[in-house]
Amino acid sequence: MTTAPQVGHFIKIDVPGIGNFSGEGYDWVKVIEVQQSTEKEAPFYGFTVQPVPHPTADAEATAHFYQREATNTLIVRRLGNCVLAEAHGRNEVHNTDAVPLVDKIRNQLVAVGGKLGMGKVQWEVLVEALIQK
């Protein structure tokens, strides 16, 4: 990521394993909210993303393993000498409606894997990148 996420930006996610057919191999989210504070004692930057269809495809199917109602909010903040990064998921329901059969199976497997803790590795990679910036 070369610039800070802004409302309307799309982010493609490369989940290890079988790619998302609807997303041409990727899962897609759109930045729907950005929050920032430059308060001296506790500055922070955060943004919220939501699953969407592939941004350049004609398909209407959500190209993500969670349904369109899901959101994830990522926050990086400084408290004193500590830099903290957080990821908060909401409404995370498997995307198995109105998608091709191959995506139904794949999305179920990825979502279950995430609930078993396998998604933590992906979040750690993203959060680490945000801290570095």
Foldseek 3Di string as FASTA:
>chain_A
DPDDADAFDKDWAQDPDAAQVQQVRTWMKGWHDWDWDPPPQKTKIKTKIFFFTRPVDPDGQGRAQFDRVKMKMWMWMDHPPDIDIDIDIDRGDGRLPPGDPVNNVVSVVVSVCVVVPPCVVVVVVVRVVVVVD
